[in-house]
Protein backbone atom coordinates (compact mmCIF):
# COMPACT_ATOMS: atom_id res chain seq x y z
CA MET A 1 102.22 119.73 88.90
CA ALA A 2 104.19 116.49 88.35
CA GLU A 3 102.33 114.86 91.25
CA ARG A 4 98.97 115.71 89.69
CA LEU A 5 100.10 114.35 86.33
CA ASP A 6 101.24 111.12 88.00
CA LEU A 7 97.88 110.82 89.76
CA LEU A 8 95.97 111.39 86.52
CA MET A 9 98.06 108.85 84.64
CA LYS A 10 97.52 106.23 87.36
CA HIS A 11 93.79 106.95 87.30
CA ARG A 12 93.74 106.56 83.50
CA ASP A 13 95.49 103.19 83.81
CA THR A 14 92.97 102.07 86.43
CA VAL A 15 90.06 103.09 84.21
CA HIS A 16 91.56 101.20 81.25
CA ARG A 17 91.90 98.04 83.37
CA GLN A 18 88.31 98.38 84.58
CA ILE A 19 87.04 98.80 81.02
CA ALA A 20 88.94 95.69 79.94
CA ARG A 21 87.33 93.66 82.73
CA LEU A 22 83.88 95.02 81.89
CA ARG A 23 84.31 94.04 78.25
CA LEU A 24 84.80 90.43 79.34
CA ALA A 25 81.85 90.42 81.73
CA PRO A 26 79.04 89.93 79.16
CA ALA A 27 80.79 86.91 77.61
CA ALA A 28 81.45 85.36 81.01
CA THR A 29 77.87 85.96 82.09
CA GLY A 30 76.53 84.55 78.82
CA TYR A 31 78.64 81.43 79.31
CA LYS A 32 77.29 80.99 82.84
CA ILE A 33 73.72 81.40 81.61
CA THR A 34 74.27 78.86 78.84
CA THR A 35 75.87 76.43 81.25
CA CYS A 36 72.97 76.74 83.67
CA THR A 37 70.32 76.32 80.97
CA GLU A 38 71.97 73.78 78.66
CA GLY A 39 74.63 72.11 80.78
CA PRO A 40 78.41 72.18 80.28
CA ALA A 41 79.85 71.86 76.78
CA GLN A 42 80.84 68.31 75.84
């Protein structure tokens, strides 16, 4: 049972890290779009 709990906790941590990265993705993509359409910020 302890092994399963360890596996589930590791999976939860992985999911939390993935969610954090996905939350940043729209901002990064928006920046790239702006840079391509308007040029880099001065």
